[in-house]
Amino acid sequence: MDENPKIIPISFAPLDFLVAMVCLALVIPL
């Protein structure tokens, strides 16, 4: 269970990117 250093599904990659973009978009204006 502890062996997952770079095992990230391609389906979750864009999701994480979108989440990061949304967080930045909310933080930058503030």
PDB file of N, CA and C in Angstrom:
ATOM      1  N   MET A   1       0.834  -1.205   0.000  1.00  0.00           N
ATOM      2  CA  MET A   1       0.000   0.000   0.000  1.00  0.00           C
ATOM      3  C   MET A   1       0.876   1.265   0.000  1.00  0.00           C
ATOM      4  N   ASP A   2       2.101   1.125   0.509  1.00  0.00           N
ATOM      5  CA  ASP A   2       2.990   2.281   0.586  1.00  0.00           C
ATOM      6  C   ASP A   2       3.829   2.453  -0.676  1.00  0.00           C
ATOM      7  N   GLU A   3       3.607   1.578  -1.658  1.00  0.00           N
ATOM      8  CA  GLU A   3       4.402   1.675  -2.888  1.00  0.00           C
ATOM      9  C   GLU A   3       3.601   2.404  -3.970  1.00  0.00           C
ATOM     10  N   ASN A   4       3.528   3.728  -3.863  1.00  0.00           N
ATOM     11  CA  ASN A   4       2.814   4.509  -4.881  1.00  0.00           C
ATOM     12  C   ASN A   4       3.426   5.899  -4.987  1.00  0.00           C
ATOM     13  N   PRO A   5       4.717   5.953  -5.409  1.00  0.00           N
ATOM     14  CA  PRO A   5       5.407   7.242  -5.529  1.00  0.00           C
ATOM     15  C   PRO A   5       4.955   8.036  -6.753  1.00  0.00           C
ATOM     16  N   LYS A   6       4.827   7.366  -7.890  1.00  0.00           N
ATOM     17  CA  LYS A   6       4.441   8.072  -9.113  1.00  0.00           C
ATOM     18  C   LYS A   6       3.297   7.350  -9.821  1.00  0.00           C
ATOM     19  N   ILE A   7       2.539   6.561  -9.061  1.00  0.00           N
ATOM     20  CA  ILE A   7       1.433   5.807  -9.680  1.00  0.00           C
ATOM     21  C   ILE A   7       0.167   6.660  -9.639  1.00  0.00           C
ATOM     22  N   ILE A   8       0.066   7.626 -10.583  1.00  0.00           N
ATOM     23  CA  ILE A   8      -1.114   8.487 -10.627  1.00  0.00           C
ATOM     24  C   ILE A   8      -1.868   8.218 -11.930  1.00  0.00           C
ATOM     25  N   PRO A   9      -3.117   7.789 -11.841  1.00  0.00           N
ATOM     26  CA  PRO A   9      -3.918   7.518 -13.037  1.00  0.00           C
ATOM     27  C   PRO A   9      -4.029   8.755 -13.925  1.00  0.00           C
ATOM     28  N   ILE A  10      -4.072   8.538 -15.241  1.00  0.00           N
ATOM     29  CA  ILE A  10      -4.175   9.664 -16.175  1.00  0.00           C
ATOM     30  C   ILE A  10      -5.516  10.388 -16.007  1.00  0.00           C
ATOM     31  N   SER A  11      -6.503   9.654 -15.490  1.00  0.00           N
ATOM     32  CA  SER A  11      -7.831  10.250 -15.331  1.00  0.00           C
ATOM     33  C   SER A  11      -7.828  11.296 -14.218  1.00  0.00           C
ATOM     34  N   PHE A  12      -6.945  11.100 -13.232  1.00  0.00           N
ATOM     35  CA  PHE A  12      -6.919  12.020 -12.094  1.00  0.00           C
ATOM     36  C   PHE A  12      -5.975  13.190 -12.346  1.00  0.00           C
ATOM     37  N   ALA A  13      -5.105  13.072 -13.338  1.00  0.00           N
ATOM     38  CA  ALA A  13      -4.142  14.143 -13.610  1.00  0.00           C
ATOM     39  C   ALA A  13      -4.864  15.454 -13.956  1.00  0.00           C
ATOM     40  N   PRO A  14      -5.761  15.457 -14.944  1.00  0.00           N
ATOM     41  CA  PRO A  14      -6.472  16.695 -15.302  1.00  0.00           C
ATOM     42  C   PRO A  14      -7.329  17.204 -14.149  1.00  0.00           C
ATOM     43  N   LEU A  15      -7.865  16.272 -13.357  1.00  0.00           N
ATOM     44  CA  LEU A  15      -8.706  16.679 -12.226  1.00  0.00           C
ATOM     45  C   LEU A  15      -7.884  17.489 -11.240  1.00  0.00           C
ATOM     46  N   ASP A  16      -6.704  16.995 -10.906  1.00  0.00           N
ATOM     47  CA  ASP A  16      -5.827  17.719  -9.970  1.00  0.00           C
ATOM     48  C   ASP A  16      -5.445  19.074 -10.559  1.00  0.00           C
ATOM     49  N   PHE A  17      -5.194  19.101 -11.863  1.00  0.00           N
ATOM     50  CA  PHE A  17      -4.811  20.357 -12.522  1.00  0.00           C
ATOM     51  C   PHE A  17      -5.947  21.367 -12.430  1.00  0.00           C
ATOM     52  N   LEU A  18      -7.171  20.897 -12.679  1.00  0.00           N
ATOM     53  CA  LEU A  18      -8.329  21.803 -12.607  1.00  0.00           C
ATOM     54  C   LEU A  18      -8.507  22.328 -11.197  1.00  0.00           C
ATOM     55  N   VAL A  19      -8.350  21.453 -10.215  1.00  0.00           N
ATOM     56  CA  VAL A  19      -8.492  21.871  -8.811  1.00  0.00           C
ATOM     57  C   VAL A  19      -7.446  22.923  -8.468  1.00  0.00           C
ATOM     58  N   ALA A  20      -6.217  22.700  -8.916  1.00  0.00           N
ATOM     59  CA  ALA A  20      -5.142  23.660  -8.638  1.00  0.00           C
ATOM     60  C   ALA A  20      -5.448  24.999  -9.303  1.00  0.00           C
ATOM     61  N   MET A  21      -5.928  24.970 -10.532  1.00  0.00           N
ATOM     62  CA  MET A  21      -6.252  26.204 -11.248  1.00  0.00           C
ATOM     63  C   MET A  21      -7.356  26.968 -10.529  1.00  0.00           C
ATOM     64  N   VAL A  22      -8.382  26.245 -10.067  1.00  0.00           N
ATOM     65  CA  VAL A  22      -9.496  26.890  -9.357  1.00  0.00           C
ATOM     66  C   VAL A  22      -8.991  27.526  -8.066  1.00  0.00           C
ATOM     67  N   CYS A  23      -8.149  26.807  -7.341  1.00  0.00           N
ATOM     68  CA  CYS A  23      -7.599  27.338  -6.081  1.00  0.00           C
ATOM     69  C   CYS A  23      -6.797  28.604  -6.367  1.00  0.00           C
ATOM     70  N   LEU A  24      -5.964  28.568  -7.412  1.00  0.00           N
ATOM     71  CA  LEU A  24      -5.150  29.743  -7.747  1.00  0.00           C
ATOM     72  C   LEU A  24      -6.049  30.905  -8.164  1.00  0.00           C
ATOM     73  N   ALA A  25      -7.077  30.610  -8.937  1.00  0.00           N
ATOM     74  CA  ALA A  25      -7.983  31.664  -9.406  1.00  0.00           C
ATOM     75  C   ALA A  25      -8.697  32.321  -8.224  1.00  0.00           C
ATOM     76  N   LEU A  26      -8.955  31.545  -7.173  1.00  0.00           N
ATOM     77  CA  LEU A  26      -9.635  32.104  -5.996  1.00  0.00           C
ATOM     78  C   LEU A  26      -8.654  32.843  -5.102  1.00  0.00           C
ATOM     79  N   VAL A  27      -7.385  32.418  -5.112  1.00  0.00           N
ATOM     80  CA  VAL A  27      -6.386  33.030  -4.215  1.00  0.00           C
ATOM     81  C   VAL A  27      -5.773  34.285  -4.830  1.00  0.00           C
ATOM     82  N   ILE A  28      -5.529  34.268  -6.140  1.00  0.00           N
ATOM     83  CA  ILE A  28      -4.868  35.410  -6.797  1.00  0.00           C
ATOM     84  C   ILE A  28      -5.659  36.712  -6.606  1.00  0.00           C
ATOM     85  N   PRO A  29      -6.964  36.740  -6.889  1.00  0.00           N
ATOM     86  CA  PRO A  29      -7.737  37.993  -6.726  1.00  0.00           C
ATOM     87  C   PRO A  29      -7.776  38.463  -5.276  1.00  0.00           C
ATOM     88  N   LEU A  30      -7.771  37.517  -4.336  1.00  0.00           N
ATOM     89  CA  LEU A  30      -7.817  37.913  -2.925  1.00  0.00           C
ATOM     90  C   LEU A  30      -6.453  38.457  -2.504  1.00  0.00           C
TER      91      LEU A  30
END
